[in-house]
Amino acid sequence: MAMKRLRVCTERALFLLRYNYHKMVLGHQIRHPPTFIVGCGHSGTSLMLAVLRYHSSIYAIPRETNFAYASNPMAAMKRFDMRTVVAGKSRWVEKTPRHIRCMDRL
């Protein structure tokens, strides 16, 4: 258990170092607002994300997050911003089809 906790702390510290390096030294930053892919089930949202994943300036969040239903969605958005900067991209895209029910929050 202690080794797992140590590994998680080490991974988090390394990620923060990479984030600060990309932001401060390389000058990577979020330049565009995020994009949300929403829709009805089986309407092509996964295909849309798969296509956008190959764009040079878009970081595709790899899974459905349901973050709009979380108690603190801004924390999730900050994590997405950080992952995008580390990836050297300027915009992130997130796909959760059921977010169509809460577009006002997004």
C-alpha atoms as a PDB file:
ATOM      1  CA  MET A   1       0.000   0.000   0.000  1.00  0.00           C
ATOM      2  CA  ALA A   2       2.811   2.411   0.854  1.00  0.00           C
ATOM      3  CA  MET A   3       4.575   1.657  -2.438  1.00  0.00           C
ATOM      4  CA  LYS A   4       1.416   2.400  -4.380  1.00  0.00           C
ATOM      5  CA  ARG A   5       0.977   5.715  -2.565  1.00  0.00           C
ATOM      6  CA  LEU A   6       4.622   6.595  -3.239  1.00  0.00           C
ATOM      7  CA  ARG A   7       4.228   5.773  -6.923  1.00  0.00           C
ATOM      8  CA  VAL A   8       1.100   7.932  -7.217  1.00  0.00           C
ATOM      9  CA  CYS A   9       2.826  10.864  -5.483  1.00  0.00           C
ATOM     10  CA  THR A  10       5.875  10.488  -7.725  1.00  0.00           C
ATOM     11  CA  GLU A  11       3.749  10.379 -10.882  1.00  0.00           C
ATOM     12  CA  ARG A  12       1.858  13.485  -9.775  1.00  0.00           C
ATOM     13  CA  ALA A  13       5.108  15.354  -9.050  1.00  0.00           C
ATOM     14  CA  LEU A  14       6.572  14.384 -12.437  1.00  0.00           C
ATOM     15  CA  PHE A  15       3.398  15.494 -14.183  1.00  0.00           C
ATOM     16  CA  LEU A  16       3.538  18.884 -12.461  1.00  0.00           C
ATOM     17  CA  LEU A  17       7.180  19.260 -13.498  1.00  0.00           C
ATOM     18  CA  ARG A  18       6.284  18.450 -17.112  1.00  0.00           C
ATOM     19  CA  TYR A  19       3.374  20.887 -16.967  1.00  0.00           C
ATOM     20  CA  ASN A  20       5.527  23.731 -15.649  1.00  0.00           C
ATOM     21  CA  TYR A  21       8.257  22.990 -18.213  1.00  0.00           C
ATOM     22  CA  HIS A  22       5.800  23.033 -21.122  1.00  0.00           C
ATOM     23  CA  LYS A  23       4.089  26.175 -19.865  1.00  0.00           C
ATOM     24  CA  MET A  24       7.057  28.248 -18.695  1.00  0.00           C
ATOM     25  CA  VAL A  25       9.899  27.098 -20.954  1.00  0.00           C
ATOM     26  CA  LEU A  26       8.163  26.010 -24.147  1.00  0.00           C
ATOM     27  CA  GLY A  27       5.367  28.567 -23.883  1.00  0.00           C
ATOM     28  CA  HIS A  28       2.518  26.139 -24.505  1.00  0.00           C
ATOM     29  CA  GLN A  29      -0.865  27.459 -23.436  1.00  0.00           C
ATOM     30  CA  ILE A  30      -4.570  27.071 -24.030  1.00  0.00           C
ATOM     31  CA  ARG A  31      -5.392  29.428 -26.874  1.00  0.00           C
ATOM     32  CA  HIS A  32      -8.915  28.310 -27.710  1.00  0.00           C
ATOM     33  CA  PRO A  33     -11.982  27.421 -25.644  1.00  0.00           C
ATOM     34  CA  PRO A  34     -12.753  23.730 -25.173  1.00  0.00           C
ATOM     35  CA  THR A  35     -15.026  21.815 -27.506  1.00  0.00           C
ATOM     36  CA  PHE A  36     -17.713  19.476 -26.222  1.00  0.00           C
ATOM     37  CA  ILE A  37     -19.091  16.621 -28.314  1.00  0.00           C
ATOM     38  CA  VAL A  38     -22.594  15.748 -27.181  1.00  0.00           C
ATOM     39  CA  GLY A  39     -25.516  13.962 -28.786  1.00  0.00           C
ATOM     40  CA  CYS A  40     -27.825  11.032 -28.754  1.00  0.00           C
ATOM     41  CA  GLY A  41     -26.476   7.524 -28.382  1.00  0.00           C
ATOM     42  CA  HIS A  42     -25.168   5.941 -31.583  1.00  0.00           C
ATOM     43  CA  SER A  43     -25.174   9.263 -33.428  1.00  0.00           C
ATOM     44  CA  GLY A  44     -21.474   9.312 -34.324  1.00  0.00           C
ATOM     45  CA  THR A  45     -19.945  11.100 -31.348  1.00  0.00           C
ATOM     46  CA  SER A  46     -17.172   8.497 -31.008  1.00  0.00           C
ATOM     47  CA  LEU A  47     -16.339   8.821 -34.681  1.00  0.00           C
ATOM     48  CA  MET A  48     -16.190  12.606 -34.357  1.00  0.00           C
ATOM     49  CA  LEU A  49     -13.768  12.332 -31.440  1.00  0.00           C
ATOM     50  CA  ALA A  50     -11.644   9.809 -33.351  1.00  0.00           C
ATOM     51  CA  VAL A  51     -11.333  12.213 -36.275  1.00  0.00           C
ATOM     52  CA  LEU A  52     -10.529  15.244 -34.108  1.00  0.00           C
ATOM     53  CA  ARG A  53      -7.897  13.273 -32.180  1.00  0.00           C
ATOM     54  CA  TYR A  54      -5.569  13.542 -35.195  1.00  0.00           C
ATOM     55  CA  HIS A  55      -5.689  17.344 -35.419  1.00  0.00           C
ATOM     56  CA  SER A  56      -2.326  18.903 -34.582  1.00  0.00           C
ATOM     57  CA  SER A  57      -3.632  21.388 -32.009  1.00  0.00           C
ATOM     58  CA  ILE A  58      -6.435  19.377 -30.365  1.00  0.00           C
ATOM     59  CA  TYR A  59      -6.030  17.158 -27.307  1.00  0.00           C
ATOM     60  CA  ALA A  60      -8.847  14.598 -27.178  1.00  0.00           C
ATOM     61  CA  ILE A  61      -9.853  13.521 -23.677  1.00  0.00           C
ATOM     62  CA  PRO A  62      -9.566   9.720 -24.009  1.00  0.00           C
ATOM     63  CA  ARG A  63     -12.761   8.710 -22.173  1.00  0.00           C
ATOM     64  CA  GLU A  64     -16.219   9.928 -21.269  1.00  0.00           C
ATOM     65  CA  THR A  65     -15.819  11.921 -18.080  1.00  0.00           C
ATOM     66  CA  ASN A  66     -19.331  12.985 -16.999  1.00  0.00           C
ATOM     67  CA  PHE A  67     -17.549  15.906 -15.321  1.00  0.00           C
ATOM     68  CA  ALA A  68     -20.499  18.283 -15.761  1.00  0.00           C
ATOM     69  CA  TYR A  69     -22.357  16.206 -13.183  1.00  0.00           C
ATOM     70  CA  ALA A  70     -19.489  16.330 -10.664  1.00  0.00           C
ATOM     71  CA  SER A  71     -19.567  18.505  -7.563  1.00  0.00           C
ATOM     72  CA  ASN A  72     -16.622  20.559  -8.827  1.00  0.00           C
ATOM     73  CA  PRO A  73     -16.500  20.567 -12.658  1.00  0.00           C
ATOM     74  CA  MET A  74     -13.980  23.427 -12.708  1.00  0.00           C
ATOM     75  CA  ALA A  75     -11.357  21.149 -11.122  1.00  0.00           C
ATOM     76  CA  ALA A  76     -11.817  18.667 -13.956  1.00  0.00           C
ATOM     77  CA  MET A  77     -11.523  21.445 -16.523  1.00  0.00           C
ATOM     78  CA  LYS A  78      -8.254  22.581 -14.916  1.00  0.00           C
ATOM     79  CA  ARG A  79      -6.887  19.026 -15.174  1.00  0.00           C
ATOM     80  CA  PHE A  80      -7.896  18.919 -18.851  1.00  0.00           C
ATOM     81  CA  ASP A  81      -6.132  22.251 -19.396  1.00  0.00           C
ATOM     82  CA  MET A  82      -2.979  20.904 -17.776  1.00  0.00           C
ATOM     83  CA  ARG A  83      -3.017  17.687 -19.832  1.00  0.00           C
ATOM     84  CA  THR A  84      -3.501  19.746 -22.987  1.00  0.00           C
ATOM     85  CA  VAL A  85      -0.505  21.949 -22.205  1.00  0.00           C
ATOM     86  CA  VAL A  86       1.683  18.914 -21.456  1.00  0.00           C
ATOM     87  CA  ALA A  87       0.620  17.389 -24.785  1.00  0.00           C
ATOM     88  CA  GLY A  88       1.677  20.589 -26.560  1.00  0.00           C
ATOM     89  CA  LYS A  89      -1.823  21.313 -27.837  1.00  0.00           C
ATOM     90  CA  SER A  90      -3.863  24.516 -27.640  1.00  0.00           C
ATOM     91  CA  ARG A  91      -7.433  23.184 -27.259  1.00  0.00           C
ATOM     92  CA  TRP A  92      -9.073  20.148 -25.732  1.00  0.00           C
ATOM     93  CA  VAL A  93     -12.179  18.285 -26.805  1.00  0.00           C
ATOM     94  CA  GLU A  94     -14.314  16.144 -24.524  1.00  0.00           C
ATOM     95  CA  LYS A  95     -16.998  13.655 -25.541  1.00  0.00           C
ATOM     96  CA  THR A  96     -19.772  12.665 -23.195  1.00  0.00           C
ATOM     97  CA  PRO A  97     -23.024  12.289 -25.130  1.00  0.00           C
ATOM     98  CA  ARG A  98     -25.219  12.704 -22.034  1.00  0.00           C
ATOM     99  CA  HIS A  99     -23.819  16.205 -21.489  1.00  0.00           C
ATOM    100  CA  ILE A 100     -26.452  17.269 -24.011  1.00  0.00           C
ATOM    101  CA  ARG A 101     -28.770  17.502 -20.998  1.00  0.00           C
ATOM    102  CA  CYS A 102     -26.643  20.137 -19.271  1.00  0.00           C
ATOM    103  CA  MET A 103     -25.372  22.425 -22.019  1.00  0.00           C
ATOM    104  CA  ASP A 104     -26.167  25.473 -19.879  1.00  0.00           C
ATOM    105  CA  ARG A 105     -23.535  24.337 -17.341  1.00  0.00           C
ATOM    106  CA  LEU A 106     -20.919  23.756 -20.011  1.00  0.00           C
END
